[in-house]
Amino acid sequence: MKHLKKKFFLLLITISCQNESVDIFNADTDQDGFYDSIDNCPDVSNQSQTDSNGDGIGDSCSDLDFDSIIDSEDNCYLNFNPDQTDSDGDGIGDDCDLVDFISLNCINGFAGEYPCNEFNLLGHLSIEGLSIDYESNTRVNDSWGWKDPLNGDEYAIIGLSSHTAFVNMSDPKNLILIGILPSATVNSIWRDIKVYNNHAYIVSEASNHGMQVFDLTKLRNVENSPTTFIADYHFTDFGRAHNIVINEDTGYAYPVGNQDTGRNFTRDPGHESGGLFDGGPIFINIQNPTNPILEGGFSEAGYSHDAQSVVYNGPDQDYIGKEIIIGCNQNHVDIVDITDKSNPVYISSISYDNVHYTHQGWLTEDHKFFIVGDELDEAADGINTRSIVLDLSDLDNPLIHFDYNGPTLAIDHNGYIKGDKFYLASYKAGMREIDISQIESKNMYETGFFDTFPDGEGSGFSGAWSVYPLFDSQNIIISDIQRGLFVVSKNN
């Protein structure tokens, strides 16, 4: 009898198990090896269980805006947009696209309305797009660039009459204004920027402006852009300055063109007001970026409009390893040894025929030649754009190498060299790319251009103010007085 009871009990157990449903806690609907109870995307196979934003929903099925399009395929994943409209074809849906702009290739000599050769237009922001509280009389001036060493993002830093604008151009087809830094005092059409150790240094001819120091790493994590920043430091040992030069190898900044009321020029009495060190370079130690220290200056060459400072590594063995500054000083170019800030040494000076206003220049990368622009010679003499090439093989005895004349009547303004190319902001003719690989044999020739000022030609002061061609990406910034920021790149 006991034996029969045991068999009956086993039979009941067997029947009970056959009628029981599968345990829902062990179900794996998408058969990816993860039970539904722990699968962050139970209906879509996702063996990696990737959850980029940490919201508990796997990327393979995350739909943050509930528009039935998974985030990885949604062109505007934070805004409900089931129609996925993308008018400018840039991959970003209209509902969250901050820039309504279509990149333009250079085809048959034009990128849209802009004359061009070999350069495409990647991105553009108008003056209004570079501003928060836009005023109709705002104008653009200088530009510089910064690459974030942490993530590689590239930024355009654009000077305007009322402020400095910081633009993320990591995707140059979708330029994003991150924020602005207002002028330290009043508006001015002259503002200049350079960068050292992830900080921007900004001067202006605005009265009592001094030098603003801004930590560029703040641009990384701005939640609500555009925003209005404040300077991290305001250096006020001088007031106005036309320009600022920085030697990144030594950690020194050199504001030039200082003109403050109450100071008198001793060498250049043509200016109405004076300047610290007669408007020559002011020596400021910025090795601690937010604690600038005034260490001296140089006045013997008089007012300096613009300059370049390098640790010299050219053909003149007498100055190898010395820090020199080359100043464009109205009607002459001056070379000064500034290695010892307490005892700068005047090396030499040179001028050239038909000088009108010695404005700006830049060294070739071998430090042998210096290409100078005279801002007023084209208009005064009715000539095509002229660049004067100086031979600095002997710094004690610089020589005129030759003159290069471009194909237009435009005034040259600011020019910079990268490799064997000279990139020149040429006002009404936009940016010009000039091959200098044969500069030794007195041969330079234009290889491309992008004209940001399609409204006219000639020698007027409209159009491209400056150009920044030094990014590793080879994307080039052009700052246009009336039309804002342009980002261009070579066709190839």
Protein backbone atom coordinates (compact mmCIF):
# COMPACT_ATOMS: atom_id res chain seq x y z
CA MET A 1 0.00 0.00 0.00
CA LYS A 2 2.86 2.36 0.87
CA HIS A 3 4.44 1.54 -2.49
CA LEU A 4 1.26 2.47 -4.36
CA LYS A 5 0.96 5.78 -2.49
CA LYS A 6 4.51 6.66 -3.53
CA LYS A 7 3.78 5.99 -7.20
CA PHE A 8 0.60 8.05 -7.04
CA PHE A 9 2.51 10.96 -5.47
CA LEU A 10 5.13 10.94 -8.23
CA LEU A 11 2.41 10.90 -10.85
CA LEU A 12 0.77 13.97 -9.36
CA ILE A 13 4.07 15.82 -9.39
CA THR A 14 4.67 14.93 -13.04
CA ILE A 15 1.21 16.02 -14.09
CA SER A 16 1.58 19.26 -12.14
CA CYS A 17 4.86 20.16 -13.92
CA GLN A 18 3.42 19.40 -17.36
CA ASN A 19 0.57 21.87 -16.84
CA GLU A 20 2.72 24.69 -15.39
CA SER A 21 3.51 27.73 -17.65
CA VAL A 22 7.14 28.76 -18.40
CA ASP A 23 8.66 30.99 -15.67
CA ILE A 24 8.41 34.55 -17.01
CA PHE A 25 11.56 35.52 -15.16
CA ASN A 26 13.57 33.17 -17.36
CA ALA A 27 12.11 34.35 -20.71
CA ASP A 28 14.51 35.73 -23.38
CA THR A 29 12.22 37.15 -26.06
CA ASP A 30 15.00 38.51 -28.33
CA GLN A 31 17.24 35.48 -27.71
CA ASP A 32 20.33 37.58 -27.06
CA GLY A 33 21.37 35.65 -23.97
CA PHE A 34 19.83 38.07 -21.47
CA TYR A 35 16.58 37.27 -19.65
CA ASP A 36 13.86 39.85 -20.28
CA SER A 37 13.88 40.74 -16.59
CA ILE A 38 17.46 42.09 -16.86
CA ASP A 39 17.62 42.95 -20.59
CA ASN A 40 17.77 46.75 -21.15
CA CYS A 41 16.15 46.22 -24.53
CA PRO A 42 14.11 42.97 -24.27
CA ASP A 43 12.47 43.05 -27.72
CA VAL A 44 15.63 43.81 -29.76
CA SER A 45 18.72 41.62 -29.71
CA ASN A 46 21.58 43.62 -28.17
CA GLN A 47 24.24 41.39 -26.71
CA SER A 48 26.46 44.39 -25.86
CA GLN A 49 23.71 45.92 -23.63
CA THR A 50 25.14 49.35 -24.51
CA ASP A 51 23.37 52.21 -22.70
CA SER A 52 25.23 55.40 -23.62
CA ASN A 53 23.19 57.83 -21.56
CA GLY A 54 22.72 55.52 -18.55
CA ASP A 55 18.93 55.75 -18.52
CA GLY A 56 18.43 52.00 -18.23
CA ILE A 57 17.22 51.64 -21.83
CA GLY A 58 19.63 50.11 -24.33
CA ASP A 59 20.74 52.16 -27.30
CA SER A 60 19.23 49.59 -29.66
CA CYS A 61 15.71 50.56 -28.62
CA SER A 62 16.06 53.94 -26.86
CA ASP A 63 13.56 56.53 -28.09
CA LEU A 64 13.88 59.53 -25.81
CA ASP A 65 11.44 61.72 -27.75
CA PHE A 66 8.81 58.96 -28.21
CA ASP A 67 8.49 59.52 -31.96
CA SER A 68 8.85 55.78 -32.75
CA ILE A 69 12.34 56.28 -34.22
CA ILE A 70 15.20 54.89 -32.18
CA ASP A 71 17.73 57.47 -31.07
CA SER A 72 20.58 56.01 -33.11
CA GLU A 73 18.58 56.60 -36.31
CA ASP A 74 16.73 59.77 -35.22
CA ASN A 75 18.08 63.02 -36.75
CA CYS A 76 16.76 64.96 -33.75
CA TYR A 77 16.56 62.43 -30.93
CA LEU A 78 15.53 64.84 -28.17
CA ASN A 79 12.67 66.50 -30.08
CA PHE A 80 9.50 64.71 -31.26
CA ASN A 81 9.86 64.72 -35.06
CA PRO A 82 8.39 61.61 -36.67
CA ASP A 83 8.65 63.19 -40.16
CA GLN A 84 12.48 63.61 -39.79
CA THR A 85 12.47 66.80 -41.92
CA ASP A 86 16.01 68.00 -42.74
CA SER A 87 15.74 70.94 -45.12
CA ASP A 88 19.45 71.64 -45.50
CA GLY A 89 20.45 67.98 -45.79
CA ASP A 90 23.08 68.17 -43.05
CA GLY A 91 21.86 65.14 -41.11
CA ILE A 92 20.31 67.23 -38.33
CA GLY A 93 16.52 67.52 -38.22
CA ASP A 94 14.99 70.96 -38.60
CA ASP A 95 13.44 70.78 -35.13
CA CYS A 96 16.88 70.92 -33.48
CA ASP A 97 19.15 72.37 -36.18
CA LEU A 98 20.63 75.61 -34.86
CA VAL A 99 22.12 76.53 -38.24
CA ASP A 100 20.00 76.84 -41.35
CA PHE A 101 22.88 76.67 -43.77
CA ILE A 102 23.83 74.48 -46.69
CA SER A 103 27.53 74.00 -47.41
CA LEU A 104 28.47 75.14 -50.90
CA ASN A 105 31.03 73.61 -53.20
CA CYS A 106 33.01 75.82 -55.53
CA ILE A 107 31.53 75.06 -58.94
CA ASN A 108 32.41 77.01 -62.09
CA GLY A 109 34.02 79.76 -60.04
CA PHE A 110 31.24 80.27 -57.49
CA ALA A 111 30.09 78.83 -54.18
CA GLY A 112 26.58 80.23 -54.23
CA GLU A 113 27.10 83.97 -54.62
CA TYR A 114 30.75 83.91 -53.56
CA PRO A 115 33.53 83.93 -56.17
CA CYS A 116 36.03 81.16 -55.52
CA ASN A 117 38.79 79.00 -56.87
CA GLU A 118 39.74 75.66 -55.29
CA PHE A 119 37.98 76.45 -51.98
CA ASN A 120 34.58 75.24 -50.80
CA LEU A 121 32.39 76.99 -48.25
CA LEU A 122 31.79 74.67 -45.31
CA GLY A 123 30.07 76.94 -42.81
CA HIS A 124 28.95 80.50 -42.19
CA LEU A 125 27.62 82.57 -39.30
CA SER A 126 26.38 86.11 -39.86
CA ILE A 127 27.14 88.94 -37.44
CA GLU A 128 23.72 88.32 -35.90
CA GLY A 129 24.63 84.65 -35.52
CA LEU A 130 27.82 85.69 -33.72
CA SER A 131 25.92 87.87 -31.26
CA ILE A 132 23.45 87.53 -28.39
CA ASP A 133 22.05 91.06 -28.20
CA TYR A 134 22.56 91.98 -31.83
CA GLU A 135 22.95 95.62 -32.83
CA SER A 136 22.80 96.61 -36.48
CA ASN A 137 26.05 98.62 -36.38
CA THR A 138 28.12 95.69 -35.08
CA ARG A 139 31.15 94.85 -37.20
CA VAL A 140 33.60 91.94 -37.30
CA ASN A 141 37.37 92.38 -37.04
CA ASP A 142 40.08 89.92 -35.99
CA SER A 143 39.98 86.13 -35.68
CA TRP A 144 42.05 83.36 -34.17
CA GLY A 145 41.59 79.68 -33.41
CA TRP A 146 41.87 77.16 -30.58
CA LYS A 147 41.96 73.37 -30.61
CA ASP A 148 40.80 71.70 -27.40
CA PRO A 149 43.64 69.33 -26.41
CA LEU A 150 41.18 67.10 -24.53
CA ASN A 151 38.73 66.21 -27.29
CA GLY A 152 40.19 67.76 -30.45
CA ASP A 153 37.30 70.17 -31.01
CA GLU A 154 38.23 73.27 -33.01
CA TYR A 155 36.93 76.71 -32.09
CA ALA A 156 36.84 79.97 -33.98
CA ILE A 157 37.43 83.05 -31.81
CA ILE A 158 35.98 86.08 -33.54
CA GLY A 159 36.42 89.71 -32.58
CA LEU A 160 33.48 92.04 -33.04
CA SER A 161 33.07 95.71 -32.20
CA SER A 162 31.08 94.94 -29.03
CA HIS A 163 32.39 91.54 -27.94
CA THR A 164 34.40 88.41 -28.67
CA ALA A 165 32.50 85.35 -29.97
CA PHE A 166 33.46 81.72 -29.33
CA VAL A 167 32.23 79.27 -31.98
CA ASN A 168 32.47 75.48 -31.89
CA MET A 169 33.43 74.37 -35.38
CA SER A 170 34.07 70.67 -34.71
CA ASP A 171 31.34 70.20 -37.32
CA PRO A 172 32.04 73.19 -39.57
CA LYS A 173 28.78 72.65 -41.45
CA ASN A 174 26.94 73.35 -38.20
CA LEU A 175 28.79 76.17 -36.48
CA ILE A 176 27.56 76.68 -32.92
CA LEU A 177 27.95 79.95 -31.02
CA ILE A 178 28.89 78.79 -27.52
CA GLY A 179 29.01 82.26 -26.00
CA ILE A 180 30.43 85.77 -26.03
CA LEU A 181 32.74 87.86 -23.87
CA PRO A 182 31.62 91.51 -23.90
CA SER A 183 34.14 94.31 -24.40
CA ALA A 184 35.86 95.28 -21.16
CA THR A 185 34.70 98.88 -21.59
CA VAL A 186 33.12 100.42 -24.69
CA ASN A 187 32.74 99.28 -28.30
CA SER A 188 35.57 99.59 -30.80
CA ILE A 189 36.06 98.46 -34.39
CA TRP A 190 39.54 97.21 -33.35
CA ARG A 191 39.85 94.07 -31.27
CA ASP A 192 42.64 91.49 -31.42
CA ILE A 193 43.00 87.98 -29.99
CA LYS A 194 45.78 85.46 -29.49
CA VAL A 195 45.92 82.17 -27.54
CA TYR A 196 48.35 80.69 -25.04
CA ASN A 197 48.00 77.60 -22.84
CA ASN A 198 44.24 77.22 -23.41
CA HIS A 199 43.56 80.88 -22.62
CA ALA A 200 42.53 83.69 -24.95
CA TYR A 201 44.14 87.13 -24.55
CA ILE A 202 42.10 89.99 -25.94
CA VAL A 203 42.98 93.65 -26.45
CA SER A 204 41.16 96.53 -28.10
CA GLU A 205 41.50 100.17 -28.96
CA ALA A 206 38.49 100.79 -26.73
CA SER A 207 39.39 103.32 -24.06
CA ASN A 208 40.82 101.73 -20.87
CA HIS A 209 40.17 98.24 -22.22
CA GLY A 210 43.40 96.62 -21.05
CA MET A 211 43.83 92.88 -21.65
CA GLN A 212 41.10 90.32 -21.00
CA VAL A 213 42.14 86.77 -20.12
CA PHE A 214 39.61 84.00 -20.73
CA ASP A 215 39.92 80.28 -19.90
CA LEU A 216 38.92 78.50 -23.10
CA THR A 217 38.30 75.17 -21.37
CA LYS A 218 35.04 76.69 -20.13
CA LEU A 219 33.71 76.17 -23.65
CA ARG A 220 33.60 72.39 -23.17
CA ASN A 221 30.60 72.06 -20.89
CA VAL A 222 28.21 74.92 -21.57
CA GLU A 223 24.70 73.57 -21.00
CA ASN A 224 22.71 76.49 -22.36
CA SER A 225 24.40 78.14 -25.31
CA PRO A 226 24.91 80.83 -26.26
CA THR A 227 25.86 82.30 -22.92
CA THR A 228 27.57 85.50 -21.79
CA PHE A 229 30.95 84.92 -20.14
CA ILE A 230 33.05 87.08 -17.86
CA ALA A 231 36.83 87.34 -18.09
CA ASP A 232 38.94 85.22 -15.75
CA TYR A 233 41.34 88.13 -15.36
CA HIS A 234 41.43 91.76 -16.44
CA PHE A 235 44.92 93.23 -16.82
CA THR A 236 44.83 97.03 -16.60
CA ASP A 237 48.47 98.17 -16.54
CA PHE A 238 47.74 99.69 -19.96
CA GLY A 239 44.52 100.85 -21.58
CA ARG A 240 44.23 100.78 -25.36
CA ALA A 241 46.24 98.52 -27.65
CA HIS A 242 45.91 97.95 -31.36
CA ASN A 243 47.17 94.41 -31.35
CA ILE A 244 48.60 91.61 -29.25
CA VAL A 245 51.49 89.28 -30.07
CA ILE A 246 52.14 86.03 -28.18
CA ASN A 247 55.16 83.78 -28.25
CA GLU A 248 53.79 80.41 -27.16
CA ASP A 249 57.32 78.98 -26.81
CA THR A 250 58.32 81.46 -24.12
CA GLY A 251 55.00 82.34 -22.50
CA TYR A 252 55.11 86.09 -23.15
CA ALA A 253 52.46 88.42 -24.52
CA TYR A 254 53.36 91.65 -26.30
CA PRO A 255 50.54 94.18 -26.68
CA VAL A 256 51.51 96.77 -29.28
CA GLY A 257 50.14 100.07 -30.46
CA ASN A 258 49.26 101.37 -27.00
CA GLN A 259 47.88 104.91 -27.06
CA ASP A 260 46.57 106.23 -23.76
CA THR A 261 45.60 109.77 -22.86
CA GLY A 262 48.25 111.55 -20.81
CA ARG A 263 51.23 109.82 -22.38
CA ASN A 264 53.41 111.43 -25.00
CA PHE A 265 55.20 109.83 -27.93
CA THR A 266 58.84 110.81 -28.27
CA ARG A 267 59.53 109.28 -31.68
CA ASP A 268 56.20 109.35 -33.49
CA PRO A 269 54.61 112.72 -32.65
CA GLY A 270 52.00 112.30 -35.39
CA HIS A 271 49.73 110.44 -32.99
CA GLU A 272 47.38 112.60 -30.99
CA SER A 273 47.90 110.76 -27.71
CA GLY A 274 50.86 108.97 -26.23
CA GLY A 275 51.54 105.37 -25.35
CA LEU A 276 53.30 103.15 -22.87
CA PHE A 277 56.81 102.52 -24.26
CA ASP A 278 55.96 104.91 -27.09
CA GLY A 279 53.43 102.42 -28.44
CA GLY A 280 56.09 99.74 -28.80
CA PRO A 281 55.80 96.17 -27.48
CA ILE A 282 54.92 95.77 -23.81
CA PHE A 283 56.52 92.73 -22.19
CA ILE A 284 54.01 90.69 -20.15
CA ASN A 285 54.84 87.34 -18.59
CA ILE A 286 51.81 85.05 -18.99
CA GLN A 287 53.41 81.76 -17.98
CA ASN A 288 50.80 81.68 -15.24
CA PRO A 289 47.90 82.45 -17.61
CA THR A 290 45.66 84.24 -15.11
CA ASN A 291 48.41 86.13 -13.32
CA PRO A 292 50.07 88.33 -15.99
CA ILE A 293 53.15 90.27 -14.87
CA LEU A 294 54.43 93.41 -16.57
CA GLU A 295 58.19 93.02 -17.05
CA GLY A 296 59.10 95.94 -19.30
CA GLY A 297 58.87 97.04 -22.90
CA PHE A 298 60.70 98.50 -25.88
CA SER A 299 60.36 102.09 -27.07
CA GLU A 300 63.35 102.76 -29.36
CA ALA A 301 61.50 101.81 -32.55
CA GLY A 302 58.44 103.90 -31.65
CA TYR A 303 54.84 102.93 -32.33
CA SER A 304 54.31 99.32 -33.45
CA HIS A 305 51.16 98.40 -35.34
CA ASP A 306 51.63 94.64 -35.42
CA ALA A 307 54.47 92.18 -34.84
CA GLN A 308 55.58 88.55 -34.63
CA SER A 309 57.77 87.04 -31.93
CA VAL A 310 59.68 83.75 -32.29
CA VAL A 311 62.57 81.86 -30.82
CA TYR A 312 64.81 82.33 -33.81
CA ASN A 313 65.91 79.24 -35.74
CA GLY A 314 66.96 80.68 -39.09
CA PRO A 315 70.13 81.01 -41.13
CA ASP A 316 71.78 83.73 -39.02
CA GLN A 317 73.91 81.73 -36.56
CA ASP A 318 74.44 84.78 -34.34
CA TYR A 319 70.82 84.65 -33.15
CA ILE A 320 69.97 80.95 -33.02
CA GLY A 321 67.93 80.32 -29.86
CA LYS A 322 67.34 84.03 -29.20
CA GLU A 323 63.83 85.41 -28.81
CA ILE A 324 63.28 88.15 -31.36
CA ILE A 325 60.33 90.33 -32.24
CA ILE A 326 59.78 91.73 -35.73
CA GLY A 327 57.60 94.81 -35.72
CA CYS A 328 55.64 96.41 -38.55
CA ASN A 329 55.87 99.99 -37.44
CA GLN A 330 54.08 102.34 -39.85
CA ASN A 331 56.93 103.05 -42.25
CA HIS A 332 59.63 100.55 -41.31
CA VAL A 333 60.20 96.99 -40.10
CA ASP A 334 62.25 96.63 -36.91
CA ILE A 335 63.99 93.57 -35.48
CA VAL A 336 64.73 93.45 -31.74
CA ASP A 337 66.39 90.83 -29.53
CA ILE A 338 64.06 90.52 -26.52
CA THR A 339 65.63 87.47 -24.90
CA ASP A 340 66.53 89.54 -21.84
CA LYS A 341 63.35 91.44 -21.01
CA SER A 342 65.31 93.87 -18.84
CA ASN A 343 67.73 94.66 -21.64
CA PRO A 344 66.18 94.38 -25.14
CA VAL A 345 68.65 94.99 -27.96
CA TYR A 346 67.79 96.80 -31.20
CA ILE A 347 69.15 94.62 -34.04
CA SER A 348 68.16 96.43 -37.24
CA SER A 349 65.54 98.35 -39.21
CA ILE A 350 64.52 98.34 -42.86
CA SER A 351 62.07 100.21 -45.06
CA TYR A 352 61.12 99.84 -48.74
CA ASP A 353 60.16 101.93 -51.77
CA ASN A 354 56.75 103.58 -51.94
CA VAL A 355 56.01 102.98 -48.29
CA HIS A 356 52.60 104.21 -47.14
CA TYR A 357 51.68 102.18 -44.03
CA THR A 358 53.73 99.19 -42.93
CA HIS A 359 50.92 97.13 -41.48
CA GLN A 360 51.63 93.42 -40.78
CA GLY A 361 53.95 90.59 -41.71
CA TRP A 362 54.81 86.93 -41.08
CA LEU A 363 57.92 84.76 -41.17
CA THR A 364 58.37 81.75 -43.42
CA GLU A 365 58.74 78.60 -41.37
CA ASP A 366 62.51 78.48 -41.96
CA HIS A 367 62.75 82.05 -40.55
CA LYS A 368 64.58 83.21 -43.67
CA PHE A 369 61.96 85.47 -45.26
CA PHE A 370 59.42 87.91 -43.85
CA ILE A 371 56.38 88.82 -45.99
CA VAL A 372 55.15 92.35 -45.30
CA GLY A 373 51.87 94.01 -46.21
CA ASP A 374 51.51 97.77 -46.70
CA GLU A 375 47.88 98.67 -46.04
CA LEU A 376 47.69 101.88 -48.06
CA ASP A 377 49.89 101.40 -51.13
CA GLU A 378 47.22 99.84 -53.35
CA ALA A 379 44.83 102.76 -52.93
CA ALA A 380 47.54 105.43 -52.97
CA ASP A 381 49.42 104.16 -56.02
CA GLY A 382 46.63 102.41 -57.93
CA ILE A 383 48.50 99.10 -57.98
CA ASN A 384 47.50 95.49 -57.54
CA THR A 385 47.87 93.91 -54.11
CA ARG A 386 51.54 94.14 -53.15
CA SER A 387 53.46 91.99 -50.67
CA ILE A 388 57.05 92.94 -49.90
CA VAL A 389 59.37 89.99 -49.25
CA LEU A 390 62.33 90.68 -46.94
CA ASP A 391 65.41 88.46 -46.82
CA LEU A 392 66.42 87.99 -43.18
CA SER A 393 69.40 85.69 -43.75
CA ASP A 394 71.43 88.29 -41.88
CA LEU A 395 69.30 89.88 -39.16
CA ASP A 396 71.80 92.70 -38.78
CA ASN A 397 71.44 93.53 -42.45
CA PRO A 398 67.95 92.66 -43.77
CA LEU A 399 67.43 93.08 -47.52
CA ILE A 400 64.55 93.62 -49.91
CA HIS A 401 64.17 90.30 -51.75
CA PHE A 402 61.36 91.19 -54.18
CA ASP A 403 57.77 92.40 -54.46
CA TYR A 404 54.87 90.09 -55.20
CA ASN A 405 51.79 91.55 -56.89
CA GLY A 406 48.49 89.72 -56.79
CA PRO A 407 45.80 89.62 -59.50
CA THR A 408 43.42 92.17 -57.92
CA LEU A 409 43.42 95.79 -56.76
CA ALA A 410 42.36 94.82 -53.24
CA ILE A 411 44.16 96.05 -50.12
CA ASP A 412 46.06 93.37 -48.22
CA HIS A 413 45.43 93.28 -44.47
CA ASN A 414 46.55 90.23 -42.43
CA GLY A 415 48.52 87.27 -43.75
CA TYR A 416 49.81 84.03 -42.20
CA ILE A 417 52.04 81.23 -43.42
CA LYS A 418 51.53 77.48 -43.07
CA GLY A 419 54.03 75.25 -44.81
CA ASP A 420 54.65 76.54 -48.32
CA LYS A 421 51.39 78.51 -48.51
CA PHE A 422 50.75 82.16 -47.63
CA TYR A 423 47.11 82.88 -46.69
CA LEU A 424 46.22 86.54 -47.09
CA ALA A 425 43.08 88.37 -45.98
CA SER A 426 42.71 90.83 -48.80
CA TYR A 427 39.63 92.91 -47.93
CA LYS A 428 37.36 93.11 -51.02
CA ALA A 429 39.09 90.13 -52.64
CA GLY A 430 38.54 87.83 -49.66
CA MET A 431 41.13 85.20 -48.75
CA ARG A 432 43.94 84.45 -51.20
CA GLU A 433 46.13 81.34 -51.10
CA ILE A 434 49.62 81.97 -52.48
CA ASP A 435 52.27 79.33 -53.14
CA ILE A 436 55.65 80.39 -51.71
CA SER A 437 57.57 77.15 -52.37
CA GLN A 438 59.79 79.05 -54.82
CA ILE A 439 60.19 82.21 -52.75
CA GLU A 440 63.98 81.75 -52.76
CA SER A 441 63.98 82.22 -56.53
CA LYS A 442 61.61 85.21 -56.28
CA ASN A 443 58.55 83.37 -57.52
CA MET A 444 55.17 83.39 -55.79
CA TYR A 445 51.83 82.62 -57.42
CA GLU A 446 48.19 82.36 -56.42
CA THR A 447 46.74 78.85 -56.15
CA GLY A 448 43.25 79.55 -54.88
CA PHE A 449 40.91 82.03 -53.23
CA PHE A 450 37.55 82.48 -51.56
CA ASP A 451 35.97 85.93 -51.90
CA THR A 452 33.70 86.71 -48.94
CA PHE A 453 32.76 90.10 -50.40
CA PRO A 454 30.82 89.58 -53.64
CA ASP A 455 29.43 93.13 -53.59
CA GLY A 456 32.32 94.76 -55.40
CA GLU A 457 36.02 95.00 -56.09
CA GLY A 458 38.79 97.55 -55.68
CA SER A 459 40.76 99.03 -52.82
CA GLY A 460 38.11 99.80 -50.20
CA PHE A 461 38.10 98.75 -46.54
CA SER A 462 35.32 96.16 -46.73
CA GLY A 463 35.39 92.38 -46.73
CA ALA A 464 37.95 90.03 -45.23
CA TRP A 465 39.72 91.43 -42.17
CA SER A 466 41.67 88.37 -41.17
CA VAL A 467 42.26 84.69 -41.81
CA TYR A 468 43.32 81.78 -39.58
CA PRO A 469 44.81 78.85 -41.56
CA LEU A 470 46.65 77.01 -38.76
CA PHE A 471 44.24 74.22 -37.80
CA ASP A 472 45.37 70.59 -38.24
CA SER A 473 42.05 69.90 -40.01
CA GLN A 474 43.07 72.42 -42.72
CA ASN A 475 39.72 74.16 -42.28
CA ILE A 476 40.32 77.90 -42.58
CA ILE A 477 38.62 80.74 -40.71
CA ILE A 478 37.88 84.00 -42.51
CA SER A 479 36.48 86.94 -40.54
CA ASP A 480 34.58 89.34 -42.78
CA ILE A 481 33.77 92.86 -41.56
CA GLN A 482 30.20 92.93 -42.88
CA ARG A 483 29.31 89.26 -43.30
CA GLY A 484 30.68 87.45 -40.25
CA LEU A 485 32.46 84.12 -39.99
CA PHE A 486 33.27 81.87 -42.95
CA VAL A 487 34.86 78.41 -42.74
CA VAL A 488 36.36 77.15 -46.00
CA SER A 489 38.46 74.21 -47.12
CA LYS A 490 40.47 73.21 -50.16
CA ASN A 491 38.61 71.14 -52.76
CA ASN A 492 40.92 68.19 -52.33
